[in-house]
């Protein structure tokens, strides 16, 4: 067997089939697909619903903010995932959300808008706990050797749902209204609870807490900060998400430069989603070959070129950059979450995962707000290349050997400061 053949065989040995042959990994992925379909459907429909009720673009945007806002409380909410066994918690959360969503049947006038926002906020808060519990349960469910592959396929499934589910949600909303979309989402949560119940996971009951809630929350933060690999990857991921959000806010300006209608933005998003789907299928082998930092750095560098390239006002370039950005962006997210899962003890994993998610995704909200302001005053032909430079600097920070890594790793977690 030649060297080239051996490399190909090595890559092919970690395909989708390898992951799906693992019973629990397949079930876990099925649950992600089912619940992701419902969530993505509601994500689009909620904004359209608010727009139809009020005619306000600002209020429609707030519906998305209501779902994202609880992410900022990730370290506190994630502590709940370390207080109880994760499998029963996931089943309970899915069933609670399934029972909550039918409340939206009462929303049919602008005066009922508070109820919609309240449900979306609770939906987002439950989602933060759910994500922490899923990340904490995952190493026990699929095994450490499949973490990188599974996280890549999970990204593929999530992005695939974003390509399909919003269209389904929009069609269902047009035909039957927002309540029908809420009912669909409720059904997907029931199905996800059933899939979760089939998992064969042996969990020990967590020890009774001997510290206060804030002390337990701080333990997850300190652990993440004291370990250089996940810490650096999470911080790089947060910087990447901020730049990506500013880039996303410039999408309609890019569409204008192409001389197309705003609806063309959907084509660009689809191109990005297709790139992310493709990346997820090979992320496991790539992560093993390049290492956590190398894989993340390569993805961020590709994203930098894609963002800067969007300044060129041609459709083929815009589409190519969309695909390239979709390939590049998930790399740092997959690497960061996999590193957290690998380097965190089980009893701390819920808090550490939630803290990592907060640091990764809260900059997305800040970046959207900053981008909305910047596109009003800055030319995208200048703004996008500057974002590309910032992303390249982030990628370079990952490939440089950290001078203080050994010193940081040797410190006790209790000595680490999150500042």
Foldseek 3Di string as FASTA:
>chain_A
DDPVVVVVVVLVCLFPVVQCVQPLLVLLLVLLLLLLLLVLLLLLQQLVQLCVQPVDNVVSVVLNVLLVVLLLVLLLLLLVLLQWQLLVLLLVLLLVLLVLLLVCVPDDHPVCVVSSSVNSNVNNSSVSNNQLSSLLCVCQQRNLLCLLLSLLQSQLSNLVSNLPNNVVSVVCCVVPRSSVSSNSSSVSSNVSSVSSVPGDGDDDTHDDDPDDSVVLSVLLLLLCQLAPQLVLLLLLLLLLLLLVLLLVLCLQVLCVLLVHDSVCSSVLSNLLSVLSNVLSRRRSVVCVVLPLLRQLLVLLLQLLVLLLQSLDRDVVSSSVSSSSNSNRNCSSVSSNSSVLSVRDDSSSSSSNNSVSSSSNCVSSVVSNVVSNVCSVPDDSNPVRNVSSVSSNVSSVVSPDDDPCNVVSNPDDSVPGDSD
